[in-house]
Amino acid sequence: MGQLIQVAGSLCVLVPFVLVQLDRLRPEARLYAVLNLVGSSVLAVDAARSHQWGFLLLEGVWAVVSLRSLRRATAARAVEADPDNAER
């Protein structure tokens, strides 16, 4: 079961990366950030449970950066939907 979780988390990080490289997805897209956040969070939890501190550091930072990117993408989408609300 642990290997399945690691593969699923890895795919959540790798698939959007490959899609960006193939020009099928923009790195600013919410989907890119969501998949990275989910994948890195899953891998970070798995690393913590396995006491793999270096891997936890890598995936934890990846998750924090992905969350920041998701917040930025969500804010940009809100501004596009309602430009008058951007200054409030």
Protein backbone atom coordinates (compact mmCIF):
# COMPACT_ATOMS: atom_id res chain seq x y z
CA MET A 1 0.00 0.00 0.00
CA GLY A 2 2.86 2.38 0.81
CA GLN A 3 4.36 1.96 -2.65
CA LEU A 4 0.98 2.71 -4.25
CA ILE A 5 0.71 5.94 -2.26
CA GLN A 6 4.23 6.96 -3.28
CA VAL A 7 3.51 6.25 -6.96
CA ALA A 8 0.23 8.20 -6.82
CA GLY A 9 1.92 11.17 -5.13
CA SER A 10 4.78 11.07 -7.60
CA LEU A 11 2.40 11.00 -10.55
CA CYS A 12 0.58 14.05 -9.16
CA VAL A 13 3.89 15.93 -9.33
CA LEU A 14 5.26 14.44 -12.55
CA VAL A 15 2.18 14.60 -14.79
CA PRO A 16 1.76 18.39 -14.60
CA PHE A 17 5.52 18.82 -15.07
CA VAL A 18 5.41 16.74 -18.25
CA LEU A 19 2.31 18.61 -19.46
CA VAL A 20 4.11 21.94 -19.00
CA GLN A 21 7.11 20.62 -20.93
CA LEU A 22 4.77 19.56 -23.77
CA ASP A 23 3.06 23.00 -23.76
CA ARG A 24 -0.24 21.40 -22.74
CA LEU A 25 -0.45 23.22 -19.40
CA ARG A 26 0.77 26.58 -18.14
CA PRO A 27 2.82 26.61 -14.92
CA GLU A 28 0.59 29.48 -13.72
CA ALA A 29 -2.53 27.30 -14.03
CA ARG A 30 -4.45 26.36 -10.92
CA LEU A 31 -4.46 22.70 -11.99
CA TYR A 32 -0.65 22.70 -12.02
CA ALA A 33 -0.51 24.08 -8.48
CA VAL A 34 -3.26 21.79 -7.17
CA LEU A 35 -1.63 18.64 -8.52
CA ASN A 36 1.76 19.69 -7.17
CA LEU A 37 0.25 20.51 -3.77
CA VAL A 38 -1.58 17.19 -3.53
CA GLY A 39 1.37 15.13 -4.71
CA SER A 40 3.98 16.83 -2.58
CA SER A 41 1.74 16.74 0.50
CA VAL A 42 1.12 13.01 0.10
CA LEU A 43 4.84 12.40 -0.33
CA ALA A 44 5.70 14.65 2.64
CA VAL A 45 3.33 12.76 4.94
CA ASP A 46 4.73 9.46 3.72
CA ALA A 47 8.28 10.71 4.30
CA ALA A 48 7.42 11.87 7.82
CA ARG A 49 5.89 8.51 8.68
CA SER A 50 9.03 6.78 7.38
CA HIS A 51 11.40 9.19 9.18
CA GLN A 52 13.00 10.19 5.87
CA TRP A 53 13.96 13.72 6.90
CA GLY A 54 15.67 14.82 3.68
CA PHE A 55 12.72 13.70 1.60
CA LEU A 56 10.36 15.37 4.06
CA LEU A 57 12.27 18.64 3.69
CA LEU A 58 12.12 18.44 -0.11
CA GLU A 59 8.43 17.58 -0.30
CA GLY A 60 7.44 19.91 2.55
CA VAL A 61 9.03 22.89 0.84
CA TRP A 62 7.51 21.79 -2.47
CA ALA A 63 4.07 21.71 -0.82
CA VAL A 64 4.48 25.18 0.73
CA VAL A 65 5.61 26.68 -2.57
CA SER A 66 2.76 24.93 -4.39
CA LEU A 67 0.25 26.31 -1.87
CA ARG A 68 1.62 29.81 -2.45
CA SER A 69 1.32 29.34 -6.21
CA LEU A 70 -2.24 28.07 -5.83
CA ARG A 71 -3.19 31.11 -3.75
CA ARG A 72 -1.65 33.41 -6.37
CA ALA A 73 -3.45 31.62 -9.23
CA THR A 74 -6.74 31.74 -7.34
CA ALA A 75 -6.34 35.46 -6.66
CA ALA A 76 -5.51 36.13 -10.31
CA ARG A 77 -8.59 34.22 -11.38
CA ALA A 78 -10.74 36.23 -8.97
CA VAL A 79 -9.39 39.48 -10.44
CA GLU A 80 -10.16 38.26 -13.96
CA ALA A 81 -13.71 37.40 -12.90
CA ASP A 82 -14.32 40.72 -11.12
CA PRO A 83 -11.70 43.41 -11.93
CA ASP A 84 -13.56 46.01 -9.87
CA ASN A 85 -13.13 43.90 -6.73
CA ALA A 86 -9.33 43.70 -7.13
CA GLU A 87 -8.63 46.92 -5.24
CA ARG A 88 -10.73 46.10 -2.20
